[in-house]
Protein backbone atom coordinates (compact mmCIF):
# COMPACT_ATOMS: atom_id res chain seq x y z
CA MET A 1 118.33 116.68 86.18
CA THR A 2 115.53 115.29 84.19
CA LEU A 3 113.96 116.72 81.59
CA LEU A 4 109.63 116.50 81.19
CA VAL A 5 107.65 117.70 78.86
CA HIS A 6 104.33 118.46 79.89
CA ASN A 7 102.23 120.43 77.61
CA PHE A 8 104.80 120.86 75.09
CA PHE A 9 107.11 123.06 77.38
CA PRO A 10 109.93 121.69 79.10
CA VAL A 11 110.01 121.16 82.59
CA PHE A 12 113.22 120.64 84.35
CA ARG A 13 113.35 118.75 87.50
CA MET A 14 116.56 118.58 89.91
CA ASN A 15 116.93 115.47 91.56
CA ASN A 16 117.18 116.12 95.10
CA LYS A 17 117.82 112.46 96.27
CA LEU A 18 120.97 111.31 97.46
CA PHE A 19 122.36 108.02 97.49
CA VAL A 20 124.80 107.20 101.20
CA GLY A 21 126.95 103.99 100.95
CA ASN A 22 129.16 102.50 102.94
CA LEU A 23 126.78 102.87 105.90
CA SER A 24 127.29 101.09 109.43
CA PHE A 25 124.84 98.06 109.87
CA LYS A 26 123.73 99.58 113.41
CA LEU A 27 122.85 102.93 111.84
CA SER A 28 119.09 103.55 112.24
CA GLU A 29 116.96 105.63 109.70
CA ALA A 30 116.23 108.12 112.67
CA GLU A 31 119.94 109.00 113.32
CA LEU A 32 120.85 109.42 109.40
CA GLU A 33 117.97 111.81 109.36
CA SER A 34 119.09 113.87 112.39
CA MET A 35 122.68 113.72 110.55
CA PHE A 36 120.94 114.90 107.15
CA GLY A 37 118.80 117.33 108.64
CA GLU A 38 121.73 119.73 109.74
CA PHE A 39 121.81 120.67 105.94
CA GLY A 40 118.20 120.98 105.57
CA THR A 41 114.59 119.54 105.20
CA VAL A 42 114.97 115.58 104.80
CA VAL A 43 111.55 114.71 102.87
CA SER A 44 112.50 111.19 103.44
CA CYS A 45 114.85 108.93 104.54
CA SER A 46 115.36 104.89 104.03
CA ILE A 47 117.77 101.98 104.39
CA PRO A 48 117.29 99.07 102.52
CA THR A 49 117.25 95.76 104.12
CA ASP A 50 117.68 92.03 102.24
CA ARG A 51 114.39 90.36 101.69
CA GLU A 52 115.26 86.83 103.03
CA THR A 53 117.51 87.95 106.34
CA GLY A 54 115.88 91.77 107.00
CA ARG A 55 119.58 92.65 107.62
CA LYS A 56 120.28 96.06 106.27
CA ARG A 57 122.44 96.57 103.27
CA GLY A 58 125.02 99.16 104.12
CA PHE A 59 123.51 101.60 102.17
CA ALA A 60 120.84 104.09 101.91
CA PHE A 61 118.44 107.18 100.20
CA VAL A 62 117.83 110.58 101.49
CA GLU A 63 115.88 113.08 99.72
CA MET A 64 116.44 116.49 100.80
CA GLY A 65 114.35 119.52 100.34
CA SER A 66 115.79 121.55 97.70
CA GLN A 67 118.79 121.17 95.24
CA ALA A 68 120.82 123.34 97.41
CA GLU A 69 119.99 121.20 100.36
CA ALA A 70 121.20 118.46 98.70
CA GLU A 71 124.25 119.99 97.55
CA ALA A 72 125.40 121.27 100.99
CA ALA A 73 124.68 117.46 102.33
CA ILE A 74 127.46 115.94 100.03
CA LYS A 75 129.88 118.72 100.36
CA GLY A 76 129.22 118.58 104.61
CA LEU A 77 129.09 114.83 104.56
CA ASN A 78 130.68 113.12 101.71
CA GLY A 79 133.86 111.26 103.58
CA ARG A 80 132.75 111.94 106.58
CA ASP A 81 133.42 109.20 109.29
CA CYS A 82 130.28 107.71 110.78
CA GLU A 83 130.68 105.13 113.50
CA GLY A 84 134.21 104.12 112.24
CA ARG A 85 133.38 104.14 108.29
CA GLN A 86 133.93 106.68 105.99
CA ILE A 87 130.66 107.43 104.42
CA ALA A 88 130.25 108.28 100.29
CA VAL A 89 127.45 110.53 99.45
CA SER A 90 126.51 111.84 95.71
CA ILE A 91 123.21 112.12 93.82
CA ALA A 92 121.05 109.05 93.28
CA GLN A 93 120.78 107.16 89.83
CA PRO A 94 117.56 106.72 88.31
CA LYS A 95 116.78 102.67 88.72
CA PRO A 96 117.77 101.50 85.30
CA LYS A 97 114.56 100.40 83.46
CA GLY A 98 113.69 96.58 82.55
CA GLY A 99 114.70 93.41 83.73
CA GLY A 100 117.25 91.88 85.15
CA GLY A 101 119.52 88.79 84.20
CA GLY A 102 116.97 85.76 83.77
CA GLY A 103 118.81 84.21 81.42
CA GLY A 104 116.55 82.44 79.01
CA ARG A 105 115.36 79.18 78.37
CA ARG A 106 117.40 75.85 79.16
CA TYR A 107 117.06 73.13 77.24
């Protein structure tokens, strides 16, 4: 849950975006959307790919229409077998701010 302050009144925004891990590399976005569609409206669905190879990375993000639908999808799909793999479904965590690594100057 994220707290936003808008016009001096706190506004709570529920996180309906789910992280789906341990996916088969053969699974398509359409198949994933169909699987999550059993639990409500799928707003968006994406399976990230590697920049260099174009190969799927084995995880996805699915955004459901409401908090209740997201919770139902977690309860119904977390641990379920999908193409020989036991998938993990949880609320997606926000991407951390700031740069990663980089090191610094080398002399």
